Amino acid sequence: MTKRVLVTAAAAELIATLKAKHGDLMFHQSGGCCDGSQPMCFEKGEFKTGSSDIKIGEIAGCEFFMGKDQYTYWQHTQITIDITPGRGSSFSLEIPLGFRFIVHSSLFSEEALNDLEPTIECD
C-alpha cells in the first residue's frame, strides 16, 4: 500500500528526541491559526481529535491526523514531513528546540491512487 504521509530521516531523528523527553506523540495538521497548515506535534492525547479530523497514517510511530477541510485539499498528494531551522508561532513541541516541522508534497501517480493506505475518520 502507498503511504499518504512519510517522514525524512532528519524529522524522524527530531521525533525520537521529542519522544525521549515527552513520551508518545501525535501529529495534527489543520488549517487553523498560528502556523496555519503546518504539522504540529503534541504529546499523545494532548490535542483532542473529533469528527472533523481524519487519521491519514503514522510517521516514526506517531499517529498523524488532518482536519477534514485540509484533507480535501491534500487527498491527492503524498506528504513528507521534514524539519527546518527556525521558530514557528505554534504550540508544537519542537519549537523550543529551534526547529519546526514542514510539509513537502507531491501528487500521487494514477497507480498510487489505486493502492492508497486507508484513512480513518475520528469520532
PDB file of N, CA and C in Angstrom:
ATOM      1  N   MET A   1       0.839  -1.193   0.000  1.00  0.00           N
ATOM      2  CA  MET A   1       0.000   0.000   0.000  1.00  0.00           C
ATOM      3  C   MET A   1       0.881   1.252   0.000  1.00  0.00           C
ATOM      4  N   THR A   2       0.396   2.249  -0.692  1.00  0.00           N
ATOM      5  CA  THR A   2       1.097   3.525  -0.755  1.00  0.00           C
ATOM      6  C   THR A   2       0.736   4.347   0.475  1.00  0.00           C
ATOM      7  N   LYS A   3       1.750   4.825   1.170  1.00  0.00           N
ATOM      8  CA  LYS A   3       1.519   5.648   2.361  1.00  0.00           C
ATOM      9  C   LYS A   3       1.147   7.066   1.959  1.00  0.00           C
ATOM     10  N   ARG A   4       0.259   7.659   2.737  1.00  0.00           N
ATOM     11  CA  ARG A   4      -0.170   9.031   2.485  1.00  0.00           C
ATOM     12  C   ARG A   4       0.794  10.042   3.101  1.00  0.00           C
ATOM     13  N   VAL A   5       1.492   9.626   4.158  1.00  0.00           N
ATOM     14  CA  VAL A   5       2.403  10.537   4.846  1.00  0.00           C
ATOM     15  C   VAL A   5       3.714   9.806   5.134  1.00  0.00           C
ATOM     16  N   LEU A   6       4.815  10.489   4.821  1.00  0.00           N
ATOM     17  CA  LEU A   6       6.164   9.963   5.027  1.00  0.00           C
ATOM     18  C   LEU A   6       6.921  10.915   5.937  1.00  0.00           C
ATOM     19  N   VAL A   7       8.131  10.515   6.349  1.00  0.00           N
ATOM     20  CA  VAL A   7       8.953  11.356   7.211  1.00  0.00           C
ATOM     21  C   VAL A   7      10.397  11.254   6.752  1.00  0.00           C
ATOM     22  N   THR A   8      11.110  12.380   6.767  1.00  0.00           N
ATOM     23  CA  THR A   8      12.526  12.369   6.417  1.00  0.00           C
ATOM     24  C   THR A   8      13.336  11.839   7.594  1.00  0.00           C
ATOM     25  N   ALA A   9      14.567  11.464   7.334  1.00  0.00           N
ATOM     26  CA  ALA A   9      15.452  10.973   8.401  1.00  0.00           C
ATOM     27  C   ALA A   9      15.685  12.056   9.451  1.00  0.00           C
ATOM     28  N   ALA A  10      15.868  13.294   9.007  1.00  0.00           N
ATOM     29  CA  ALA A  10      16.099  14.397   9.958  1.00  0.00           C
ATOM     30  C   ALA A  10      14.889  14.606  10.862  1.00  0.00           C
ATOM     31  N   ALA A  11      13.696  14.557  10.283  1.00  0.00           N
ATOM     32  CA  ALA A  11      12.482  14.727  11.090  1.00  0.00           C
ATOM     33  C   ALA A  11      12.290  13.545  12.031  1.00  0.00           C
ATOM     34  N   ALA A  12      12.590  12.330  11.563  1.00  0.00           N
ATOM     35  CA  ALA A  12      12.464  11.143  12.423  1.00  0.00           C
ATOM     36  C   ALA A  12      13.419  11.236  13.606  1.00  0.00           C
ATOM     37  N   GLU A  13      14.612  11.773  13.382  1.00  0.00           N
ATOM     38  CA  GLU A  13      15.579  11.946  14.475  1.00  0.00           C
ATOM     39  C   GLU A  13      15.062  12.945  15.509  1.00  0.00           C
ATOM     40  N   LEU A  14      14.476  14.042  15.041  1.00  0.00           N
ATOM     41  CA  LEU A  14      13.902  15.026  15.966  1.00  0.00           C
ATOM     42  C   LEU A  14      12.716  14.426  16.718  1.00  0.00           C
ATOM     43  N   ILE A  15      11.901  13.636  16.034  1.00  0.00           N
ATOM     44  CA  ILE A  15      10.771  12.973  16.696  1.00  0.00           C
ATOM     45  C   ILE A  15      11.287  12.047  17.794  1.00  0.00           C
ATOM     46  N   ALA A  16      12.366  11.310  17.541  1.00  0.00           N
ATOM     47  CA  ALA A  16      12.945  10.420  18.559  1.00  0.00           C
ATOM     48  C   ALA A  16      13.408  11.230  19.775  1.00  0.00           C
ATOM     49  N   THR A  17      14.002  12.383  19.545  1.00  0.00           N
ATOM     50  CA  THR A  17      14.426  13.263  20.642  1.00  0.00           C
ATOM     51  C   THR A  17      13.219  13.720  21.452  1.00  0.00           C
ATOM     52  N   LEU A  18      12.163  14.110  20.758  1.00  0.00           N
ATOM     53  CA  LEU A  18      10.951  14.564  21.446  1.00  0.00           C
ATOM     54  C   LEU A  18      10.278  13.432  22.209  1.00  0.00           C
ATOM     55  N   LYS A  19      10.286  12.223  21.631  1.00  0.00           N
ATOM     56  CA  LYS A  19       9.706  11.070  22.329  1.00  0.00           C
ATOM     57  C   LYS A  19      10.470  10.768  23.611  1.00  0.00           C
ATOM     58  N   ALA A  20      11.787  10.888  23.568  1.00  0.00           N
ATOM     59  CA  ALA A  20      12.601  10.628  24.756  1.00  0.00           C
ATOM     60  C   ALA A  20      12.251  11.598  25.881  1.00  0.00           C
ATOM     61  N   LYS A  21      11.887  12.808  25.526  1.00  0.00           N
ATOM     62  CA  LYS A  21      11.553  13.828  26.526  1.00  0.00           C
ATOM     63  C   LYS A  21      10.085  13.787  26.941  1.00  0.00           C
ATOM     64  N   HIS A  22       9.184  13.538  25.986  1.00  0.00           N
ATOM     65  CA  HIS A  22       7.748  13.701  26.241  1.00  0.00           C
ATOM     66  C   HIS A  22       6.931  12.410  26.218  1.00  0.00           C
ATOM     67  N   GLY A  23       7.510  11.297  25.795  1.00  0.00           N
ATOM     68  CA  GLY A  23       6.743  10.058  25.671  1.00  0.00           C
ATOM     69  C   GLY A  23       6.071   9.970  24.308  1.00  0.00           C
ATOM     70  N   ASP A  24       4.973   9.227  24.248  1.00  0.00           N
ATOM     71  CA  ASP A  24       4.260   9.032  22.981  1.00  0.00           C
ATOM     72  C   ASP A  24       3.764  10.373  22.429  1.00  0.00           C
ATOM     73  N   LEU A  25       3.828  10.486  21.103  1.00  0.00           N
ATOM     74  CA  LEU A  25       3.470  11.737  20.434  1.00  0.00           C
ATOM     75  C   LEU A  25       2.394  11.508  19.386  1.00  0.00           C
ATOM     76  N   MET A  26       1.825  12.604  18.909  1.00  0.00           N
ATOM     77  CA  MET A  26       0.865  12.593  17.808  1.00  0.00           C
ATOM     78  C   MET A  26       1.082  13.856  16.983  1.00  0.00           C
ATOM     79  N   PHE A  27       0.624  13.827  15.738  1.00  0.00           N
ATOM     80  CA  PHE A  27       0.695  14.995  14.872  1.00  0.00           C
ATOM     81  C   PHE A  27      -0.702  15.360  14.405  1.00  0.00           C
ATOM     82  N   HIS A  28      -0.890  16.661  14.191  1.00  0.00           N
ATOM     83  CA  HIS A  28      -2.148  17.148  13.640  1.00  0.00           C
ATOM     84  C   HIS A  28      -1.841  18.291  12.682  1.00  0.00           C
ATOM     85  N   GLN A  29      -2.495  18.274  11.546  1.00  0.00           N
ATOM     86  CA  GLN A  29      -2.360  19.359  10.575  1.00  0.00           C
ATOM     87  C   GLN A  29      -3.747  19.885  10.271  1.00  0.00           C
ATOM     88  N   SER A  30      -3.947  21.157  10.577  1.00  0.00           N
ATOM     89  CA  SER A  30      -5.245  21.772  10.316  1.00  0.00           C
ATOM     90  C   SER A  30      -5.036  23.003   9.457  1.00  0.00           C
ATOM     91  N   GLY A  31      -6.047  23.732   9.247  1.00  0.00           N
ATOM     92  CA  GLY A  31      -5.938  24.984   8.505  1.00  0.00           C
ATOM     93  C   GLY A  31      -6.187  26.158   9.419  1.00  0.00           C
ATOM     94  N   GLY A  32      -5.955  25.960  10.700  1.00  0.00           N
ATOM     95  CA  GLY A  32      -6.324  26.956  11.691  1.00  0.00           C
ATOM     96  C   GLY A  32      -5.326  28.070  11.865  1.00  0.00           C
ATOM     97  N   CYS A  33      -5.292  28.613  13.058  1.00  0.00           N
ATOM     98  CA  CYS A  33      -4.473  29.781  13.367  1.00  0.00           C
ATOM     99  C   CYS A  33      -3.003  29.405  13.523  1.00  0.00           C
ATOM    100  N   CYS A  34      -2.247  30.314  14.017  1.00  0.00           N
ATOM    101  CA  CYS A  34      -0.811  30.142  14.291  1.00  0.00           C
ATOM    102  C   CYS A  34      -0.063  29.836  13.003  1.00  0.00           C
ATOM    103  N   ASP A  35       0.434  28.629  12.853  1.00  0.00           N
ATOM    104  CA  ASP A  35       1.201  28.283  11.660  1.00  0.00           C
ATOM    105  C   ASP A  35       0.329  27.726  10.551  1.00  0.00           C
ATOM    106  N   GLY A  36      -0.964  27.955  10.612  1.00  0.00           N
ATOM    107  CA  GLY A  36      -1.857  27.551   9.533  1.00  0.00           C
ATOM    108  C   GLY A  36      -1.842  26.068   9.287  1.00  0.00           C
ATOM    109  N   SER A  37      -1.432  25.663   8.109  1.00  0.00           N
ATOM    110  CA  SER A  37      -1.496  24.252   7.751  1.00  0.00           C
ATOM    111  C   SER A  37      -0.183  23.517   8.017  1.00  0.00           C
ATOM    112  N   GLN A  38       0.651  24.018   8.900  1.00  0.00           N
ATOM    113  CA  GLN A  38       1.878  23.312   9.261  1.00  0.00           C
ATOM    114  C   GLN A  38       1.538  22.159  10.196  1.00  0.00           C
ATOM    115  N   PRO A  39       2.279  21.049  10.094  1.00  0.00           N
ATOM    116  CA  PRO A  39       2.042  19.937  11.019  1.00  0.00           C
ATOM    117  C   PRO A  39       2.497  20.323  12.417  1.00  0.00           C
ATOM    118  N   MET A  40       1.702  19.961  13.384  1.00  0.00           N
ATOM    119  CA  MET A  40       2.027  20.275  14.774  1.00  0.00           C
ATOM    120  C   MET A  40       2.139  18.993  15.568  1.00  0.00           C
ATOM    121  N   CYS A  41       3.137  18.942  16.444  1.00  0.00           N
ATOM    122  CA  CYS A  41       3.441  17.766  17.254  1.00  0.00           C
ATOM    123  C   CYS A  41       3.020  18.021  18.699  1.00  0.00           C
ATOM    124  N   PHE A  42       2.301  17.046  19.251  1.00  0.00           N
ATOM    125  CA  PHE A  42       1.810  17.140  20.629  1.00  0.00           C
ATOM    126  C   PHE A  42       2.094  15.835  21.362  1.00  0.00           C
ATOM    127  N   GLU A  43       2.069  15.899  22.685  1.00  0.00           N
ATOM    128  CA  GLU A  43       2.047  14.654  23.443  1.00  0.00           C
ATOM    129  C   GLU A  43       0.768  13.933  23.058  1.00  0.00           C
ATOM    130  N   LYS A  44       0.845  12.608  22.943  1.00  0.00           N
ATOM    131  CA  LYS A  44      -0.319  11.833  22.521  1.00  0.00           C
ATOM    132  C   LYS A  44      -1.506  12.135  23.430  1.00  0.00           C
ATOM    133  N   GLY A  45      -2.639  12.491  22.821  1.00  0.00           N
ATOM    134  CA  GLY A  45      -3.855  12.794  23.567  1.00  0.00           C
ATOM    135  C   GLY A  45      -3.976  14.243  23.993  1.00  0.00           C
ATOM    136  N   GLU A  46      -2.906  15.032  23.870  1.00  0.00           N
ATOM    137  CA  GLU A  46      -2.967  16.433  24.280  1.00  0.00           C
ATOM    138  C   GLU A  46      -3.859  17.247  23.344  1.00  0.00           C
ATOM    139  N   PHE A  47      -3.863  16.895  22.075  1.00  0.00           N
ATOM    140  CA  PHE A  47      -4.750  17.536  21.108  1.00  0.00           C
ATOM    141  C   PHE A  47      -5.937  16.609  20.915  1.00  0.00           C
ATOM    142  N   LYS A  48      -7.105  17.097  21.161  1.00  0.00           N
ATOM    143  CA  LYS A  48      -8.314  16.274  21.055  1.00  0.00           C
ATOM    144  C   LYS A  48      -8.816  16.243  19.617  1.00  0.00           C
ATOM    145  N   THR A  49      -8.816  15.059  19.035  1.00  0.00           N
ATOM    146  CA  THR A  49      -9.374  14.900  17.697  1.00  0.00           C
ATOM    147  C   THR A  49     -10.869  14.639  17.820  1.00  0.00           C
ATOM    148  N   GLY A  50     -11.582  14.913  16.751  1.00  0.00           N
ATOM    149  CA  GLY A  50     -13.025  14.704  16.765  1.00  0.00           C
ATOM    150  C   GLY A  50     -13.544  14.421  15.374  1.00  0.00           C
ATOM    151  N   SER A  51     -14.820  14.586  15.196  1.00  0.00           N
ATOM    152  CA  SER A  51     -15.472  14.225  13.939  1.00  0.00           C
ATOM    153  C   SER A  51     -15.009  15.081  12.753  1.00  0.00           C
ATOM    154  N   SER A  52     -14.283  16.142  13.023  1.00  0.00           N
ATOM    155  CA  SER A  52     -13.775  16.976  11.926  1.00  0.00           C
ATOM    156  C   SER A  52     -12.341  16.603  11.543  1.00  0.00           C
ATOM    157  N   ASP A  53     -11.856  15.458  12.039  1.00  0.00           N
ATOM    158  CA  ASP A  53     -10.485  15.022  11.779  1.00  0.00           C
ATOM    159  C   ASP A  53     -10.443  13.635  11.151  1.00  0.00           C
ATOM    160  N   ILE A  54      -9.341  13.362  10.452  1.00  0.00           N
ATOM    161  CA  ILE A  54      -9.091  12.071   9.819  1.00  0.00           C
ATOM    162  C   ILE A  54      -7.667  11.649  10.139  1.00  0.00           C
ATOM    163  N   LYS A  55      -7.490  10.387  10.507  1.00  0.00           N
ATOM    164  CA  LYS A  55      -6.143   9.844  10.649  1.00  0.00           C
ATOM    165  C   LYS A  55      -5.697   9.414   9.255  1.00  0.00           C
ATOM    166  N   ILE A  56      -4.582  10.011   8.776  1.00  0.00           N
ATOM    167  CA  ILE A  56      -4.120   9.682   7.428  1.00  0.00           C
ATOM    168  C   ILE A  56      -2.924   8.733   7.427  1.00  0.00           C
ATOM    169  N   GLY A  57      -2.385   8.427   8.601  1.00  0.00           N
ATOM    170  CA  GLY A  57      -1.260   7.500   8.667  1.00  0.00           C
ATOM    171  C   GLY A  57      -0.461   7.668   9.937  1.00  0.00           C
ATOM    172  N   GLU A  58       0.751   7.141   9.897  1.00  0.00           N
ATOM    173  CA  GLU A  58       1.675   7.248  11.025  1.00  0.00           C
ATOM    174  C   GLU A  58       3.061   7.572  10.498  1.00  0.00           C
ATOM    175  N   ILE A  59       3.801   8.360  11.294  1.00  0.00           N
ATOM    176  CA  ILE A  59       5.205   8.626  10.993  1.00  0.00           C
ATOM    177  C   ILE A  59       6.011   8.388  12.260  1.00  0.00           C
ATOM    178  N   ALA A  60       7.102   7.674  12.123  1.00  0.00           N
ATOM    179  CA  ALA A  60       8.005   7.411  13.250  1.00  0.00           C
ATOM    180  C   ALA A  60       7.240   6.902  14.473  1.00  0.00           C
ATOM    181  N   GLY A  61       6.221   6.079  14.236  1.00  0.00           N
ATOM    182  CA  GLY A  61       5.439   5.519  15.330  1.00  0.00           C
ATOM    183  C   GLY A  61       4.422   6.464  15.947  1.00  0.00           C
ATOM    184  N   CYS A  62       4.147   7.585  15.283  1.00  0.00           N
ATOM    185  CA  CYS A  62       3.193   8.589  15.791  1.00  0.00           C
ATOM    186  C   CYS A  62       2.015   8.704  14.834  1.00  0.00           C
ATOM    187  N   GLU A  63       0.812   8.703  15.388  1.00  0.00           N
ATOM    188  CA  GLU A  63      -0.377   8.894  14.554  1.00  0.00           C
ATOM    189  C   GLU A  63      -0.353  10.306  13.961  1.00  0.00           C
ATOM    190  N   PHE A  64      -0.801  10.404  12.709  1.00  0.00           N
ATOM    191  CA  PHE A  64      -0.844  11.685  12.008  1.00  0.00           C
ATOM    192  C   PHE A  64      -2.283  11.949  11.578  1.00  0.00           C
ATOM    193  N   PHE A  65      -2.846  13.032  12.107  1.00  0.00           N
ATOM    194  CA  PHE A  65      -4.222  13.417  11.832  1.00  0.00           C
ATOM    195  C   PHE A  65      -4.248  14.697  10.996  1.00  0.00           C
ATOM    196  N   MET A  66      -5.324  14.857  10.263  1.00  0.00           N
ATOM    197  CA  MET A  66      -5.514  16.068   9.467  1.00  0.00           C
ATOM    198  C   MET A  66      -6.981  16.465   9.569  1.00  0.00           C
ATOM    199  N   GLY A  67      -7.219  17.763   9.637  1.00  0.00           N
ATOM    200  CA  GLY A  67      -8.585  18.258   9.599  1.00  0.00           C
ATOM    201  C   GLY A  67      -9.220  17.896   8.261  1.00  0.00           C
ATOM    202  N   LYS A  68     -10.503  17.514   8.285  1.00  0.00           N
ATOM    203  CA  LYS A  68     -11.188  17.115   7.046  1.00  0.00           C
ATOM    204  C   LYS A  68     -11.145  18.210   5.986  1.00  0.00           C
ATOM    205  N   ASP A  69     -11.271  19.467   6.400  1.00  0.00           N
ATOM    206  CA  ASP A  69     -11.211  20.565   5.441  1.00  0.00           C
ATOM    207  C   ASP A  69      -9.867  20.588   4.734  1.00  0.00           C
ATOM    208  N   GLN A  70      -8.796  20.396   5.482  1.00  0.00           N
ATOM    209  CA  GLN A  70      -7.463  20.341   4.878  1.00  0.00           C
ATOM    210  C   GLN A  70      -7.322  19.122   3.992  1.00  0.00           C
ATOM    211  N   TYR A  71      -7.869  18.010   4.445  1.00  0.00           N
ATOM    212  CA  TYR A  71      -7.750  16.765   3.694  1.00  0.00           C
ATOM    213  C   TYR A  71      -8.354  16.890   2.291  1.00  0.00           C
ATOM    214  N   THR A  72      -9.407  17.680   2.141  1.00  0.00           N
ATOM    215  CA  THR A  72      -9.990  17.848   0.812  1.00  0.00           C
ATOM    216  C   THR A  72      -8.970  18.455  -0.156  1.00  0.00           C
ATOM    217  N   TYR A  73      -8.051  19.265   0.354  1.00  0.00           N
ATOM    218  CA  TYR A  73      -7.005  19.859  -0.481  1.00  0.00           C
ATOM    219  C   TYR A  73      -5.821  18.910  -0.687  1.00  0.00           C
ATOM    220  N   TRP A  74      -5.496  18.100   0.312  1.00  0.00           N
ATOM    221  CA  TRP A  74      -4.289  17.277   0.304  1.00  0.00           C
ATOM    222  C   TRP A  74      -4.532  15.824  -0.118  1.00  0.00           C
ATOM    223  N   GLN A  75      -5.762  15.404  -0.341  1.00  0.00           N
ATOM    224  CA  GLN A  75      -6.058  13.995  -0.545  1.00  0.00           C
ATOM    225  C   GLN A  75      -5.391  13.379  -1.773  1.00  0.00           C
ATOM    226  N   HIS A  76      -5.000  14.178  -2.726  1.00  0.00           N
ATOM    227  CA  HIS A  76      -4.364  13.658  -3.944  1.00  0.00           C
ATOM    228  C   HIS A  76      -2.842  13.772  -3.890  1.00  0.00           C
ATOM    229  N   THR A  77      -2.320  14.101  -2.715  1.00  0.00           N
ATOM    230  CA  THR A  77      -0.879  14.277  -2.583  1.00  0.00           C
ATOM    231  C   THR A  77      -0.314  13.397  -1.473  1.00  0.00           C
ATOM    232  N   GLN A  78       0.914  12.971  -1.688  1.00  0.00           N
ATOM    233  CA  GLN A  78       1.665  12.300  -0.626  1.00  0.00           C
ATOM    234  C   GLN A  78       2.466  13.400   0.060  1.00  0.00           C
ATOM    235  N   ILE A  79       2.356  13.464   1.373  1.00  0.00           N
ATOM    236  CA  ILE A  79       3.098  14.497   2.091  1.00  0.00           C
ATOM    237  C   ILE A  79       4.271  13.862   2.814  1.00  0.00           C
ATOM    238  N   THR A  80       5.342  14.611   2.866  1.00  0.00           N
ATOM    239  CA  THR A  80       6.544  14.191   3.582  1.00  0.00           C
ATOM    240  C   THR A  80       6.826  15.234   4.639  1.00  0.00           C
ATOM    241  N   ILE A  81       6.932  14.779   5.880  1.00  0.00           N
ATOM    242  CA  ILE A  81       7.220  15.678   6.993  1.00  0.00           C
ATOM    243  C   ILE A  81       8.726  15.816   7.120  1.00  0.00           C
ATOM    244  N   ASP A  82       9.179  17.065   7.175  1.00  0.00           N
ATOM    245  CA  ASP A  82      10.593  17.395   7.280  1.00  0.00           C
ATOM    246  C   ASP A  82      10.738  18.449   8.377  1.00  0.00           C
ATOM    247  N   ILE A  83      11.957  18.897   8.606  1.00  0.00           N
ATOM    248  CA  ILE A  83      12.181  19.975   9.572  1.00  0.00           C
ATOM    249  C   ILE A  83      13.002  21.070   8.906  1.00  0.00           C
ATOM    250  N   THR A  84      12.920  22.250   9.493  1.00  0.00           N
ATOM    251  CA  THR A  84      13.729  23.381   9.068  1.00  0.00           C
ATOM    252  C   THR A  84      14.092  24.169  10.321  1.00  0.00           C
ATOM    253  N   PRO A  85      15.276  24.779  10.337  1.00  0.00           N
ATOM    254  CA  PRO A  85      15.622  25.614  11.493  1.00  0.00           C
ATOM    255  C   PRO A  85      14.691  26.817  11.573  1.00  0.00           C
ATOM    256  N   GLY A  86      14.426  27.252  12.765  1.00  0.00           N
ATOM    257  CA  GLY A  86      13.596  28.432  12.958  1.00  0.00           C
ATOM    258  C   GLY A  86      12.484  28.173  13.939  1.00  0.00           C
ATOM    259  N   ARG A  87      11.879  29.240  14.380  1.00  0.00           N
ATOM    260  CA  ARG A  87      10.788  29.149  15.348  1.00  0.00           C
ATOM    261  C   ARG A  87       9.479  29.479  14.659  1.00  0.00           C
ATOM    262  N   GLY A  88       8.558  28.565  14.754  1.00  0.00           N
ATOM    263  CA  GLY A  88       7.214  28.831  14.270  1.00  0.00           C
ATOM    264  C   GLY A  88       6.444  29.563  15.350  1.00  0.00           C
ATOM    265  N   SER A  89       5.213  29.873  15.062  1.00  0.00           N
ATOM    266  CA  SER A  89       4.392  30.588  16.047  1.00  0.00           C
ATOM    267  C   SER A  89       3.304  29.671  16.605  1.00  0.00           C
ATOM    268  N   SER A  90       3.655  28.408  16.788  1.00  0.00           N
ATOM    269  CA  SER A  90       2.653  27.445  17.238  1.00  0.00           C
ATOM    270  C   SER A  90       3.014  26.889  18.617  1.00  0.00           C
ATOM    271  N   PHE A  91       2.220  25.932  19.051  1.00  0.00           N
ATOM    272  CA  PHE A  91       2.439  25.263  20.326  1.00  0.00           C
ATOM    273  C   PHE A  91       3.083  23.893  20.132  1.00  0.00           C
ATOM    274  N   SER A  92       3.603  23.642  18.952  1.00  0.00           N
ATOM    275  CA  SER A  92       4.201  22.361  18.625  1.00  0.00           C
ATOM    276  C   SER A  92       5.462  22.129  19.464  1.00  0.00           C
ATOM    277  N   LEU A  93       5.688  20.881  19.858  1.00  0.00           N
ATOM    278  CA  LEU A  93       6.756  20.548  20.808  1.00  0.00           C
ATOM    279  C   LEU A  93       8.173  20.832  20.323  1.00  0.00           C
ATOM    280  N   GLU A  94       8.402  20.878  19.024  1.00  0.00           N
ATOM    281  CA  GLU A  94       9.761  21.096  18.518  1.00  0.00           C
ATOM    282  C   GLU A  94      10.208  22.548  18.581  1.00  0.00           C
ATOM    283  N   ILE A  95       9.293  23.483  18.728  1.00  0.00           N
ATOM    284  CA  ILE A  95       9.600  24.916  18.661  1.00  0.00           C
ATOM    285  C   ILE A  95      10.704  25.329  19.648  1.00  0.00           C
ATOM    286  N   PRO A  96      10.663  24.917  20.926  1.00  0.00           N
ATOM    287  CA  PRO A  96      11.732  25.328  21.853  1.00  0.00           C
ATOM    288  C   PRO A  96      13.123  24.814  21.464  1.00  0.00           C
ATOM    289  N   LEU A  97      13.193  23.809  20.596  1.00  0.00           N
ATOM    290  CA  LEU A  97      14.484  23.266  20.170  1.00  0.00           C
ATOM    291  C   LEU A  97      15.047  24.007  18.962  1.00  0.00           C
ATOM    292  N   GLY A  98      14.329  25.011  18.472  1.00  0.00           N
ATOM    293  CA  GLY A  98      14.824  25.819  17.363  1.00  0.00           C
ATOM    294  C   GLY A  98      14.529  25.250  15.990  1.00  0.00           C
ATOM    295  N   PHE A  99      13.563  24.349  15.903  1.00  0.00           N
ATOM    296  CA  PHE A  99      13.153  23.760  14.632  1.00  0.00           C
ATOM    297  C   PHE A  99      11.646  23.863  14.495  1.00  0.00           C
ATOM    298  N   ARG A 100      11.188  23.603  13.277  1.00  0.00           N
ATOM    299  CA  ARG A 100       9.754  23.469  13.051  1.00  0.00           C
ATOM    300  C   ARG A 100       9.532  22.417  11.982  1.00  0.00           C
ATOM    301  N   PHE A 101       8.453  21.686  12.124  1.00  0.00           N
ATOM    302  CA  PHE A 101       8.093  20.687  11.117  1.00  0.00           C
ATOM    303  C   PHE A 101       7.478  21.400   9.924  1.00  0.00           C
ATOM    304  N   ILE A 102       7.814  20.920   8.731  1.00  0.00           N
ATOM    305  CA  ILE A 102       7.259  21.474   7.499  1.00  0.00           C
ATOM    306  C   ILE A 102       6.792  20.322   6.610  1.00  0.00           C
ATOM    307  N   VAL A 103       6.025  20.663   5.582  1.00  0.00           N
ATOM    308  CA  VAL A 103       5.475  19.674   4.659  1.00  0.00           C
ATOM    309  C   VAL A 103       6.060  19.881   3.267  1.00  0.00           C
ATOM    310  N   HIS A 104       6.462  18.778   2.661  1.00  0.00           N
ATOM    311  CA  HIS A 104       6.755  18.733   1.226  1.00  0.00           C
ATOM    312  C   HIS A 104       5.680  17.822   0.643  1.00  0.00           C
ATOM    313  N   SER A 105       5.244  18.084  -0.560  1.00  0.00           N
ATOM    314  CA  SER A 105       4.191  17.240  -1.127  1.00  0.00           C
ATOM    315  C   SER A 105       4.447  16.962  -2.599  1.00  0.00           C
ATOM    316  N   SER A 106       3.874  15.861  -3.052  1.00  0.00           N
ATOM    317  CA  SER A 106       3.893  15.525  -4.474  1.00  0.00           C
ATOM    318  C   SER A 106       2.589  14.811  -4.795  1.00  0.00           C
ATOM    319  N   LEU A 107       2.113  15.009  -6.010  1.00  0.00           N
ATOM    320  CA  LEU A 107       0.869  14.366  -6.437  1.00  0.00           C
ATOM    321  C   LEU A 107       1.075  12.862  -6.565  1.00  0.00           C
ATOM    322  N   PHE A 108       0.062  12.108  -6.162  1.00  0.00           N
ATOM    323  CA  PHE A 108       0.098  10.663  -6.345  1.00  0.00           C
ATOM    324  C   PHE A 108       0.005  10.336  -7.831  1.00  0.00           C
ATOM    325  N   SER A 109       0.689   9.291  -8.233  1.00  0.00           N
ATOM    326  CA  SER A 109       0.512   8.774  -9.590  1.00  0.00           C
ATOM    327  C   SER A 109      -0.837   8.057  -9.646  1.00  0.00           C
ATOM    328  N   GLU A 110      -1.322   7.798 -10.850  1.00  0.00           N
ATOM    329  CA  GLU A 110      -2.578   7.052 -11.011  1.00  0.00           C
ATOM    330  C   GLU A 110      -2.463   5.685 -10.339  1.00  0.00           C
ATOM    331  N   GLU A 111      -1.316   5.042 -10.485  1.00  0.00           N
ATOM    332  CA  GLU A 111      -1.098   3.735  -9.872  1.00  0.00           C
ATOM    333  C   GLU A 111      -1.175   3.820  -8.352  1.00  0.00           C
ATOM    334  N   ALA A 112      -0.521   4.836  -7.778  1.00  0.00           N
ATOM    335  CA  ALA A 112      -0.533   5.001  -6.327  1.00  0.00           C
ATOM    336  C   ALA A 112      -1.941   5.289  -5.813  1.00  0.00           C
ATOM    337  N   LEU A 113      -2.716   6.068  -6.554  1.00  0.00           N
ATOM    338  CA  LEU A 113      -4.089   6.386  -6.137  1.00  0.00           C
ATOM    339  C   LEU A 113      -4.944   5.129  -5.982  1.00  0.00           C
ATOM    340  N   ASN A 114      -4.617   4.093  -6.736  1.00  0.00           N
ATOM    341  CA  ASN A 114      -5.377   2.843  -6.666  1.00  0.00           C
ATOM    342  C   ASN A 114      -4.903   1.918  -5.545  1.00  0.00           C
ATOM    343  N   ASP A 115      -3.854   2.323  -4.827  1.00  0.00           N
ATOM    344  CA  ASP A 115      -3.279   1.460  -3.795  1.00  0.00           C
ATOM    345  C   ASP A 115      -2.980   2.238  -2.507  1.00  0.00           C
ATOM    346  N   LEU A 116      -3.817   3.215  -2.180  1.00  0.00           N
ATOM    347  CA  LEU A 116      -3.565   4.075  -1.027  1.00  0.00           C
ATOM    348  C   LEU A 116      -3.916   3.411   0.294  1.00  0.00           C
ATOM    349  N   GLU A 117      -3.087   3.702   1.288  1.00  0.00           N
ATOM    350  CA  GLU A 117      -3.371   3.313   2.656  1.00  0.00           C
ATOM    351  C   GLU A 117      -4.705   3.959   3.049  1.00  0.00           C
ATOM    352  N   PRO A 118      -5.598   3.236   3.717  1.00  0.00           N
ATOM    353  CA  PRO A 118      -6.905   3.810   4.066  1.00  0.00           C
ATOM    354  C   PRO A 118      -6.797   4.885   5.137  1.00  0.00           C
ATOM    355  N   THR A 119      -7.719   5.807   5.116  1.00  0.00           N
ATOM    356  CA  THR A 119      -7.817   6.812   6.189  1.00  0.00           C
ATOM    357  C   THR A 119      -8.812   6.288   7.221  1.00  0.00           C
ATOM    358  N   ILE A 120      -8.769   6.888   8.409  1.00  0.00           N
ATOM    359  CA  ILE A 120      -9.693   6.509   9.483  1.00  0.00           C
ATOM    360  C   ILE A 120     -10.351   7.783  10.003  1.00  0.00           C
ATOM    361  N   GLU A 121     -11.677   7.847   9.943  1.00  0.00           N
ATOM    362  CA  GLU A 121     -12.388   9.006  10.470  1.00  0.00           C
ATOM    363  C   GLU A 121     -12.425   8.938  11.989  1.00  0.00           C
ATOM    364  N   CYS A 122     -12.235  10.087  12.627  1.00  0.00           N
ATOM    365  CA  CYS A 122     -12.267  10.160  14.085  1.00  0.00           C
ATOM    366  C   CYS A 122     -13.699  10.336  14.575  1.00  0.00           C
ATOM    367  N   ASP A 123     -13.908   9.989  15.816  1.00  0.00           N
ATOM    368  CA  ASP A 123     -15.237  10.165  16.450  1.00  0.00           C
ATOM    369  C   ASP A 123     -15.381  11.537  17.024  1.00  0.00           C
TER     370      ASP A 123
END
